[in-house]
């Protein structure tokens, strides 16, 4: 598993947890996925 993938998975899990707190898990997962991809683009080098 790549480091970039771990960032995305972590953000998805955190988003799902926050979504469960407000009784909407699926939108939380989608927001976490989007944030994960943004963080991935900032942390990876352009090759």
C-alpha atoms as a PDB file:
ATOM      1  CA  UNK A   1       0.000   0.000   0.000  1.00  0.00           C
ATOM      2  CA  UNK A   2       1.342   3.390  -0.978  1.00  0.00           C
ATOM      3  CA  UNK A   3       1.670   6.336   1.390  1.00  0.00           C
ATOM      4  CA  UNK A   4      -0.752   8.333  -0.770  1.00  0.00           C
ATOM      5  CA  UNK A   5      -3.416   5.650  -0.376  1.00  0.00           C
ATOM      6  CA  UNK A   6      -3.091   5.685   3.402  1.00  0.00           C
ATOM      7  CA  UNK A   7      -3.828   9.432   3.413  1.00  0.00           C
ATOM      8  CA  UNK A   8      -7.006   8.906   1.379  1.00  0.00           C
ATOM      9  CA  UNK A   9      -8.214   5.965   3.489  1.00  0.00           C
ATOM     10  CA  UNK A  10      -7.578   7.851   6.709  1.00  0.00           C
ATOM     11  CA  UNK A  11      -9.565  10.852   5.529  1.00  0.00           C
ATOM     12  CA  UNK A  12     -12.438   8.605   4.422  1.00  0.00           C
ATOM     13  CA  UNK A  13     -12.562   6.919   7.840  1.00  0.00           C
ATOM     14  CA  UNK A  14     -12.441  10.257   9.658  1.00  0.00           C
ATOM     15  CA  UNK A  15     -15.170  11.618   7.379  1.00  0.00           C
ATOM     16  CA  UNK A  16     -17.330   8.570   8.052  1.00  0.00           C
ATOM     17  CA  UNK A  17     -16.860   9.001  11.795  1.00  0.00           C
ATOM     18  CA  UNK A  18     -17.876  12.639  11.658  1.00  0.00           C
ATOM     19  CA  UNK A  19     -20.793  11.713   9.422  1.00  0.00           C
ATOM     20  CA  UNK A  20     -21.976   9.119  11.936  1.00  0.00           C
ATOM     21  CA  UNK A  21     -21.944  11.765  14.656  1.00  0.00           C
ATOM     22  CA  UNK A  22     -24.410  13.864  12.648  1.00  0.00           C
ATOM     23  CA  UNK A  23     -26.428  10.818  11.438  1.00  0.00           C
ATOM     24  CA  UNK A  24     -25.271  11.084   7.806  1.00  0.00           C
ATOM     25  CA  UNK A  25     -22.383   8.690   7.195  1.00  0.00           C
ATOM     26  CA  UNK A  26     -22.396   8.622   3.381  1.00  0.00           C
ATOM     27  CA  UNK A  27     -21.972  12.379   2.816  1.00  0.00           C
ATOM     28  CA  UNK A  28     -19.201  12.317   5.417  1.00  0.00           C
ATOM     29  CA  UNK A  29     -17.433   9.585   3.478  1.00  0.00           C
ATOM     30  CA  UNK A  30     -17.678  11.571   0.253  1.00  0.00           C
ATOM     31  CA  UNK A  31     -16.360  14.730   1.891  1.00  0.00           C
ATOM     32  CA  UNK A  32     -13.523  12.721   3.455  1.00  0.00           C
ATOM     33  CA  UNK A  33     -12.701  11.246   0.059  1.00  0.00           C
ATOM     34  CA  UNK A  34     -12.514  14.687  -1.501  1.00  0.00           C
ATOM     35  CA  UNK A  35     -10.338  16.030   1.302  1.00  0.00           C
ATOM     36  CA  UNK A  36      -8.112  12.962   0.991  1.00  0.00           C
ATOM     37  CA  UNK A  37      -7.515  13.550  -2.702  1.00  0.00           C
ATOM     38  CA  UNK A  38      -6.728  17.221  -2.063  1.00  0.00           C
ATOM     39  CA  UNK A  39      -4.237  16.309   0.672  1.00  0.00           C
ATOM     40  CA  UNK A  40      -2.740  13.652  -1.586  1.00  0.00           C
ATOM     41  CA  UNK A  41      -2.159  16.204  -4.326  1.00  0.00           C
ATOM     42  CA  UNK A  42      -0.390  18.529  -1.854  1.00  0.00           C
ATOM     43  CA  UNK A  43       1.822  15.820  -0.358  1.00  0.00           C
ATOM     44  CA  UNK A  44       2.971  14.035  -3.517  1.00  0.00           C
ATOM     45  CA  UNK A  45       5.684  15.259  -5.804  1.00  0.00           C
ATOM     46  CA  UNK A  46       4.855  16.042  -9.409  1.00  0.00           C
ATOM     47  CA  UNK A  47       6.648  13.561 -11.615  1.00  0.00           C
END
